[in-house]
């Protein structure tokens, strides 16, 4: 079970780091798949070892049952011959082998449950590895895209904060200030006489407009 849990952690941790910060997404993903493959091999070996142990236990149980049956027959034969002492000794040995066979039978039940769980974990890990391989290209593309976006943002942040950028902003502010000062100077440079003529021209235009309005409203008869 620990192998499967470790494989799960490898998948989650490595995919997150792959998308967020890795310098070489393909290399990182290959390392991740390699780690999963090694875990899968270890899990397969564990399943094979458990099955071999189960088979050995089955053989030992069968042997103890067979020996117990032999001692049972000997006890019956001794009793038929009227030798209760030998019959009792044979039965004692028979019971000993029977007890061993029962203990081995309990071990078989536990081993069977362990093998079932190991096989379930093995299939799950095989599926995870298959999914990771199938999505390899997608994970690499995501990682590279995240890398590019991060680098562009870093470049943008550095560019905004550079001395040349701040100097340009100061230059722009200075140009605006100079333009405003020039406009004020232009206005102040106009002579009083020019201002009087400008005002007179404006008054003349007003009077002309007023005369035209009167003529329209009060035509001469």
C-alpha atoms as a PDB file:
ATOM      1  CA  UNK A   1       0.000   0.000   0.000  1.00  0.00           C
ATOM      2  CA  UNK A   2       2.888   2.348   0.769  1.00  0.00           C
ATOM      3  CA  UNK A   3       4.161   1.999  -2.807  1.00  0.00           C
ATOM      4  CA  UNK A   4       0.815   3.124  -4.209  1.00  0.00           C
ATOM      5  CA  UNK A   5       0.575   6.067  -1.822  1.00  0.00           C
ATOM      6  CA  UNK A   6       4.100   7.128  -2.738  1.00  0.00           C
ATOM      7  CA  UNK A   7       3.223   6.888  -6.422  1.00  0.00           C
ATOM      8  CA  UNK A   8       0.173   9.108  -5.869  1.00  0.00           C
ATOM      9  CA  UNK A   9       2.343  11.726  -4.164  1.00  0.00           C
ATOM     10  CA  UNK A  10       4.859  11.553  -6.998  1.00  0.00           C
ATOM     11  CA  UNK A  11       2.115  12.169  -9.579  1.00  0.00           C
ATOM     12  CA  UNK A  12       0.560  15.140  -7.783  1.00  0.00           C
ATOM     13  CA  UNK A  13       3.769  16.825  -6.642  1.00  0.00           C
ATOM     14  CA  UNK A  14       5.631  16.456  -9.907  1.00  0.00           C
ATOM     15  CA  UNK A  15       2.770  17.584 -12.129  1.00  0.00           C
ATOM     16  CA  UNK A  16       2.290  20.703  -9.996  1.00  0.00           C
ATOM     17  CA  UNK A  17       6.004  21.542 -10.066  1.00  0.00           C
ATOM     18  CA  UNK A  18       6.099  20.722 -13.772  1.00  0.00           C
ATOM     19  CA  UNK A  19       3.403  23.282 -14.561  1.00  0.00           C
ATOM     20  CA  UNK A  20       4.619  25.944 -12.149  1.00  0.00           C
ATOM     21  CA  UNK A  21       8.380  26.223 -12.112  1.00  0.00           C
ATOM     22  CA  UNK A  22      10.405  23.574 -13.865  1.00  0.00           C
ATOM     23  CA  UNK A  23      13.221  24.635 -16.172  1.00  0.00           C
ATOM     24  CA  UNK A  24      13.016  21.470 -18.280  1.00  0.00           C
ATOM     25  CA  UNK A  25       9.422  20.144 -18.382  1.00  0.00           C
ATOM     26  CA  UNK A  26      10.178  17.143 -20.561  1.00  0.00           C
ATOM     27  CA  UNK A  27      13.082  16.001 -18.398  1.00  0.00           C
ATOM     28  CA  UNK A  28      11.054  16.415 -15.213  1.00  0.00           C
ATOM     29  CA  UNK A  29       8.130  14.484 -16.658  1.00  0.00           C
ATOM     30  CA  UNK A  30      10.424  11.681 -17.820  1.00  0.00           C
ATOM     31  CA  UNK A  31      11.889  11.459 -14.322  1.00  0.00           C
ATOM     32  CA  UNK A  32       8.386  11.314 -12.869  1.00  0.00           C
ATOM     33  CA  UNK A  33       7.335   8.546 -15.243  1.00  0.00           C
ATOM     34  CA  UNK A  34      10.545   6.688 -14.477  1.00  0.00           C
ATOM     35  CA  UNK A  35       9.824   6.846 -10.732  1.00  0.00           C
ATOM     36  CA  UNK A  36       6.296   5.561 -11.318  1.00  0.00           C
ATOM     37  CA  UNK A  37       7.654   2.755 -13.509  1.00  0.00           C
ATOM     38  CA  UNK A  38      10.074   1.706 -10.765  1.00  0.00           C
ATOM     39  CA  UNK A  39       7.287   1.731  -8.186  1.00  0.00           C
ATOM     40  CA  UNK A  40       5.172  -0.355 -10.534  1.00  0.00           C
ATOM     41  CA  UNK A  41       7.986  -2.892 -10.870  1.00  0.00           C
ATOM     42  CA  UNK A  42       8.357  -3.104  -7.086  1.00  0.00           C
ATOM     43  CA  UNK A  43       4.613  -3.595  -6.697  1.00  0.00           C
ATOM     44  CA  UNK A  44       4.605  -6.366  -9.288  1.00  0.00           C
ATOM     45  CA  UNK A  45       7.452  -8.054  -7.447  1.00  0.00           C
ATOM     46  CA  UNK A  46       5.504  -7.760  -4.204  1.00  0.00           C
ATOM     47  CA  UNK A  47       2.468  -9.402  -5.829  1.00  0.00           C
ATOM     48  CA  UNK A  48       4.627 -12.201  -7.241  1.00  0.00           C
ATOM     49  CA  UNK A  49       6.285 -12.768  -3.857  1.00  0.00           C
ATOM     50  CA  UNK A  50       2.894 -12.864  -2.094  1.00  0.00           C
ATOM     51  CA  UNK A  51       1.560 -15.401  -4.596  1.00  0.00           C
ATOM     52  CA  UNK A  52       4.669 -17.574  -4.194  1.00  0.00           C
ATOM     53  CA  UNK A  53       4.286 -17.441  -0.405  1.00  0.00           C
ATOM     54  CA  UNK A  54       0.618 -18.402  -0.710  1.00  0.00           C
ATOM     55  CA  UNK A  55       1.453 -21.403  -2.868  1.00  0.00           C
ATOM     56  CA  UNK A  56       4.136 -22.518  -0.415  1.00  0.00           C
ATOM     57  CA  UNK A  57       1.659 -22.218   2.436  1.00  0.00           C
ATOM     58  CA  UNK A  58      -0.888 -24.258   0.473  1.00  0.00           C
ATOM     59  CA  UNK A  59       1.690 -27.023  -0.040  1.00  0.00           C
ATOM     60  CA  UNK A  60       2.660 -27.031   3.630  1.00  0.00           C
ATOM     61  CA  UNK A  61      -0.990 -27.193   4.671  1.00  0.00           C
ATOM     62  CA  UNK A  62      -1.660 -30.095   2.307  1.00  0.00           C
ATOM     63  CA  UNK A  63       1.402 -31.939   3.609  1.00  0.00           C
ATOM     64  CA  UNK A  64       0.330 -31.506   7.235  1.00  0.00           C
ATOM     65  CA  UNK A  65      -3.186 -32.673   6.408  1.00  0.00           C
ATOM     66  CA  UNK A  66      -1.783 -35.760   4.640  1.00  0.00           C
ATOM     67  CA  UNK A  67       0.531 -36.594   7.554  1.00  0.00           C
ATOM     68  CA  UNK A  68      -2.346 -36.119  10.015  1.00  0.00           C
ATOM     69  CA  UNK A  69      -4.450 -38.555   7.984  1.00  0.00           C
ATOM     70  CA  UNK A  70      -1.571 -41.088   8.054  1.00  0.00           C
ATOM     71  CA  UNK A  71      -1.326 -40.887  11.839  1.00  0.00           C
ATOM     72  CA  UNK A  72      -5.110 -41.195  12.039  1.00  0.00           C
ATOM     73  CA  UNK A  73      -4.969 -44.478  10.089  1.00  0.00           C
ATOM     74  CA  UNK A  74      -2.121 -45.751  12.270  1.00  0.00           C
ATOM     75  CA  UNK A  75      -4.110 -44.954  15.384  1.00  0.00           C
ATOM     76  CA  UNK A  76      -7.080 -46.881  14.015  1.00  0.00           C
ATOM     77  CA  UNK A  77      -4.815 -49.830  13.140  1.00  0.00           C
ATOM     78  CA  UNK A  78      -3.206 -49.860  16.590  1.00  0.00           C
ATOM     79  CA  UNK A  79      -6.598 -49.753  18.228  1.00  0.00           C
ATOM     80  CA  UNK A  80      -7.807 -52.661  16.054  1.00  0.00           C
ATOM     81  CA  UNK A  81      -4.787 -54.622  17.283  1.00  0.00           C
ATOM     82  CA  UNK A  82      -5.708 -53.795  20.867  1.00  0.00           C
ATOM     83  CA  UNK A  83      -2.711 -51.515  21.433  1.00  0.00           C
ATOM     84  CA  UNK A  84      -4.359 -48.458  22.994  1.00  0.00           C
ATOM     85  CA  UNK A  85      -1.013 -46.985  24.037  1.00  0.00           C
ATOM     86  CA  UNK A  86       0.217 -46.829  20.439  1.00  0.00           C
ATOM     87  CA  UNK A  87      -3.210 -45.634  19.304  1.00  0.00           C
ATOM     88  CA  UNK A  88      -3.084 -42.783  21.812  1.00  0.00           C
ATOM     89  CA  UNK A  89       0.413 -41.736  20.704  1.00  0.00           C
ATOM     90  CA  UNK A  90      -0.610 -41.839  17.038  1.00  0.00           C
ATOM     91  CA  UNK A  91      -3.669 -39.696  17.767  1.00  0.00           C
ATOM     92  CA  UNK A  92      -1.507 -37.163  19.636  1.00  0.00           C
ATOM     93  CA  UNK A  93       0.720 -36.790  16.590  1.00  0.00           C
ATOM     94  CA  UNK A  94      -2.328 -36.636  14.312  1.00  0.00           C
ATOM     95  CA  UNK A  95      -3.793 -33.777  16.352  1.00  0.00           C
ATOM     96  CA  UNK A  96      -0.462 -31.896  16.222  1.00  0.00           C
ATOM     97  CA  UNK A  97      -0.362 -31.991  12.411  1.00  0.00           C
ATOM     98  CA  UNK A  98      -4.061 -31.113  12.231  1.00  0.00           C
ATOM     99  CA  UNK A  99      -3.451 -28.033  14.401  1.00  0.00           C
ATOM    100  CA  UNK A 100      -0.564 -26.964  12.177  1.00  0.00           C
ATOM    101  CA  UNK A 101      -2.775 -27.418   9.106  1.00  0.00           C
ATOM    102  CA  UNK A 102      -5.479 -25.223  10.704  1.00  0.00           C
ATOM    103  CA  UNK A 103      -2.946 -22.452  11.459  1.00  0.00           C
ATOM    104  CA  UNK A 104      -1.707 -22.611   7.875  1.00  0.00           C
ATOM    105  CA  UNK A 105      -5.290 -22.374   6.651  1.00  0.00           C
ATOM    106  CA  UNK A 106      -5.741 -19.121   8.625  1.00  0.00           C
ATOM    107  CA  UNK A 107      -2.536 -17.786   7.099  1.00  0.00           C
ATOM    108  CA  UNK A 108      -3.878 -18.629   3.655  1.00  0.00           C
ATOM    109  CA  UNK A 109      -6.987 -16.532   4.289  1.00  0.00           C
ATOM    110  CA  UNK A 110      -4.848 -13.529   5.310  1.00  0.00           C
ATOM    111  CA  UNK A 111      -2.495 -14.025   2.381  1.00  0.00           C
ATOM    112  CA  UNK A 112      -5.425 -14.196  -0.018  1.00  0.00           C
ATOM    113  CA  UNK A 113      -6.735 -10.822   1.236  1.00  0.00           C
ATOM    114  CA  UNK A 114      -3.256  -9.301   0.915  1.00  0.00           C
ATOM    115  CA  UNK A 115      -2.892 -10.549  -2.658  1.00  0.00           C
ATOM    116  CA  UNK A 116      -6.327  -9.186  -3.585  1.00  0.00           C
ATOM    117  CA  UNK A 117      -5.386  -5.745  -2.224  1.00  0.00           C
ATOM    118  CA  UNK A 118      -1.987  -5.789  -3.919  1.00  0.00           C
ATOM    119  CA  UNK A 119      -3.567  -6.662  -7.263  1.00  0.00           C
ATOM    120  CA  UNK A 120      -6.076  -3.828  -6.867  1.00  0.00           C
ATOM    121  CA  UNK A 121      -3.238  -1.397  -6.117  1.00  0.00           C
ATOM    122  CA  UNK A 122      -1.254  -2.740  -9.048  1.00  0.00           C
ATOM    123  CA  UNK A 123      -4.117  -2.154 -11.500  1.00  0.00           C
ATOM    124  CA  UNK A 124      -4.659   1.345 -10.119  1.00  0.00           C
ATOM    125  CA  UNK A 125      -0.974   2.247 -10.490  1.00  0.00           C
ATOM    126  CA  UNK A 126      -0.875   0.796 -14.007  1.00  0.00           C
ATOM    127  CA  UNK A 127      -3.846   3.003 -14.918  1.00  0.00           C
ATOM    128  CA  UNK A 128      -2.209   6.090 -13.422  1.00  0.00           C
ATOM    129  CA  UNK A 129       0.987   5.431 -15.329  1.00  0.00           C
ATOM    130  CA  UNK A 130      -0.970   4.891 -18.537  1.00  0.00           C
ATOM    131  CA  UNK A 131      -2.866   8.166 -18.028  1.00  0.00           C
ATOM    132  CA  UNK A 132       0.346  10.067 -17.321  1.00  0.00           C
ATOM    133  CA  UNK A 133       1.958   8.726 -20.479  1.00  0.00           C
ATOM    134  CA  UNK A 134      -1.123   9.587 -22.540  1.00  0.00           C
ATOM    135  CA  UNK A 135      -1.165  13.151 -21.177  1.00  0.00           C
ATOM    136  CA  UNK A 136       2.594  13.667 -21.374  1.00  0.00           C
ATOM    137  CA  UNK A 137       2.406  16.079 -24.319  1.00  0.00           C
ATOM    138  CA  UNK A 138      -0.360  18.086 -22.659  1.00  0.00           C
ATOM    139  CA  UNK A 139       1.573  18.427 -19.400  1.00  0.00           C
ATOM    140  CA  UNK A 140       4.703  19.547 -21.251  1.00  0.00           C
ATOM    141  CA  UNK A 141       2.711  22.123 -23.245  1.00  0.00           C
ATOM    142  CA  UNK A 142       1.128  23.475 -20.047  1.00  0.00           C
ATOM    143  CA  UNK A 143       4.499  23.720 -18.357  1.00  0.00           C
ATOM    144  CA  UNK A 144       6.097  25.533 -21.287  1.00  0.00           C
ATOM    145  CA  UNK A 145       3.171  27.920 -21.570  1.00  0.00           C
ATOM    146  CA  UNK A 146       3.380  28.695 -17.853  1.00  0.00           C
ATOM    147  CA  UNK A 147       7.129  29.212 -18.204  1.00  0.00           C
ATOM    148  CA  UNK A 148       6.713  31.628 -21.104  1.00  0.00           C
ATOM    149  CA  UNK A 149       4.008  33.611 -19.312  1.00  0.00           C
ATOM    150  CA  UNK A 150       6.115  33.852 -16.176  1.00  0.00           C
ATOM    151  CA  UNK A 151       9.197  35.000 -18.058  1.00  0.00           C
ATOM    152  CA  UNK A 152       7.243  37.601 -20.019  1.00  0.00           C
ATOM    153  CA  UNK A 153       5.787  38.945 -16.789  1.00  0.00           C
ATOM    154  CA  UNK A 154       9.231  39.082 -15.209  1.00  0.00           C
ATOM    155  CA  UNK A 155      10.619  40.958 -18.225  1.00  0.00           C
ATOM    156  CA  UNK A 156       7.670  43.337 -18.158  1.00  0.00           C
ATOM    157  CA  UNK A 157       8.109  44.010 -14.448  1.00  0.00           C
ATOM    158  CA  UNK A 158      11.824  44.640 -14.895  1.00  0.00           C
ATOM    159  CA  UNK A 159      11.225  46.923 -17.904  1.00  0.00           C
ATOM    160  CA  UNK A 160       8.686  49.027 -16.020  1.00  0.00           C
ATOM    161  CA  UNK A 161      11.068  49.498 -13.133  1.00  0.00           C
ATOM    162  CA  UNK A 162      14.218  50.306 -15.151  1.00  0.00           C
ATOM    163  CA  UNK A 163      15.969  53.705 -14.862  1.00  0.00           C
ATOM    164  CA  UNK A 164      15.440  54.346 -18.599  1.00  0.00           C
ATOM    165  CA  UNK A 165      11.707  53.856 -18.174  1.00  0.00           C
ATOM    166  CA  UNK A 166      11.578  56.265 -15.251  1.00  0.00           C
ATOM    167  CA  UNK A 167      13.711  58.772 -17.178  1.00  0.00           C
ATOM    168  CA  UNK A 168      11.283  58.665 -20.085  1.00  0.00           C
ATOM    169  CA  UNK A 169       8.393  59.371 -17.729  1.00  0.00           C
ATOM    170  CA  UNK A 170      10.276  62.340 -16.267  1.00  0.00           C
ATOM    171  CA  UNK A 171      11.020  63.627 -19.768  1.00  0.00           C
ATOM    172  CA  UNK A 172       7.337  63.387 -20.701  1.00  0.00           C
ATOM    173  CA  UNK A 173       6.361  65.366 -17.596  1.00  0.00           C
ATOM    174  CA  UNK A 174       8.974  68.013 -18.480  1.00  0.00           C
ATOM    175  CA  UNK A 175       7.680  68.357 -22.044  1.00  0.00           C
ATOM    176  CA  UNK A 176       4.140  68.875 -20.793  1.00  0.00           C
ATOM    177  CA  UNK A 177       5.373  71.490 -18.367  1.00  0.00           C
ATOM    178  CA  UNK A 178       7.299  73.342 -21.105  1.00  0.00           C
ATOM    179  CA  UNK A 179       4.265  73.325 -23.391  1.00  0.00           C
ATOM    180  CA  UNK A 180       2.121  74.801 -20.627  1.00  0.00           C
ATOM    181  CA  UNK A 181       4.722  77.507 -19.945  1.00  0.00           C
ATOM    182  CA  UNK A 182       4.927  78.364 -23.661  1.00  0.00           C
ATOM    183  CA  UNK A 183       1.166  78.721 -23.865  1.00  0.00           C
ATOM    184  CA  UNK A 184       1.179  81.116 -20.926  1.00  0.00           C
ATOM    185  CA  UNK A 185       3.969  83.140 -22.459  1.00  0.00           C
ATOM    186  CA  UNK A 186       2.043  83.399 -25.750  1.00  0.00           C
ATOM    187  CA  UNK A 187      -0.991  84.730 -23.955  1.00  0.00           C
ATOM    188  CA  UNK A 188       0.987  87.247 -21.933  1.00  0.00           C
ATOM    189  CA  UNK A 189       2.894  88.448 -25.017  1.00  0.00           C
ATOM    190  CA  UNK A 190      -0.248  89.989 -26.562  1.00  0.00           C
ATOM    191  CA  UNK A 191      -0.044  93.848 -26.309  1.00  0.00           C
ATOM    192  CA  UNK A 192      -2.779  95.920 -24.621  1.00  0.00           C
ATOM    193  CA  UNK A 193      -3.555  97.546 -27.959  1.00  0.00           C
ATOM    194  CA  UNK A 194      -4.105  94.195 -29.609  1.00  0.00           C
ATOM    195  CA  UNK A 195      -6.349  93.156 -26.791  1.00  0.00           C
ATOM    196  CA  UNK A 196      -8.374  96.400 -27.223  1.00  0.00           C
ATOM    197  CA  UNK A 197      -8.801  95.777 -30.953  1.00  0.00           C
ATOM    198  CA  UNK A 198      -9.809  92.201 -30.276  1.00  0.00           C
ATOM    199  CA  UNK A 199     -12.427  93.395 -27.769  1.00  0.00           C
ATOM    200  CA  UNK A 200     -13.652  96.073 -30.201  1.00  0.00           C
ATOM    201  CA  UNK A 201     -13.991  93.524 -32.976  1.00  0.00           C
ATOM    202  CA  UNK A 202     -15.991  91.310 -30.675  1.00  0.00           C
ATOM    203  CA  UNK A 203     -18.294  94.225 -29.699  1.00  0.00           C
ATOM    204  CA  UNK A 204     -18.749  95.196 -33.365  1.00  0.00           C
ATOM    205  CA  UNK A 205     -19.789  91.636 -34.215  1.00  0.00           C
ATOM    206  CA  UNK A 206     -22.309  91.695 -31.359  1.00  0.00           C
ATOM    207  CA  UNK A 207     -23.768  95.028 -32.515  1.00  0.00           C
ATOM    208  CA  UNK A 208     -24.056  93.780 -36.084  1.00  0.00           C
ATOM    209  CA  UNK A 209     -25.869  90.675 -34.948  1.00  0.00           C
ATOM    210  CA  UNK A 210     -28.234  92.777 -32.820  1.00  0.00           C
ATOM    211  CA  UNK A 211     -29.005  95.138 -35.758  1.00  0.00           C
ATOM    212  CA  UNK A 212     -29.785  92.204 -38.000  1.00  0.00           C
ATOM    213  CA  UNK A 213     -32.120  90.778 -35.389  1.00  0.00           C
ATOM    214  CA  UNK A 214     -33.969  94.151 -35.065  1.00  0.00           C
ATOM    215  CA  UNK A 215     -34.353  94.488 -38.805  1.00  0.00           C
ATOM    216  CA  UNK A 216     -35.861  91.025 -38.980  1.00  0.00           C
ATOM    217  CA  UNK A 217     -38.311  91.572 -36.151  1.00  0.00           C
ATOM    218  CA  UNK A 218     -39.232  95.211 -36.968  1.00  0.00           C
ATOM    219  CA  UNK A 219     -39.068  95.620 -40.763  1.00  0.00           C
ATOM    220  CA  UNK A 220     -39.475  99.158 -42.118  1.00  0.00           C
ATOM    221  CA  UNK A 221     -42.802  99.903 -43.789  1.00  0.00           C
END
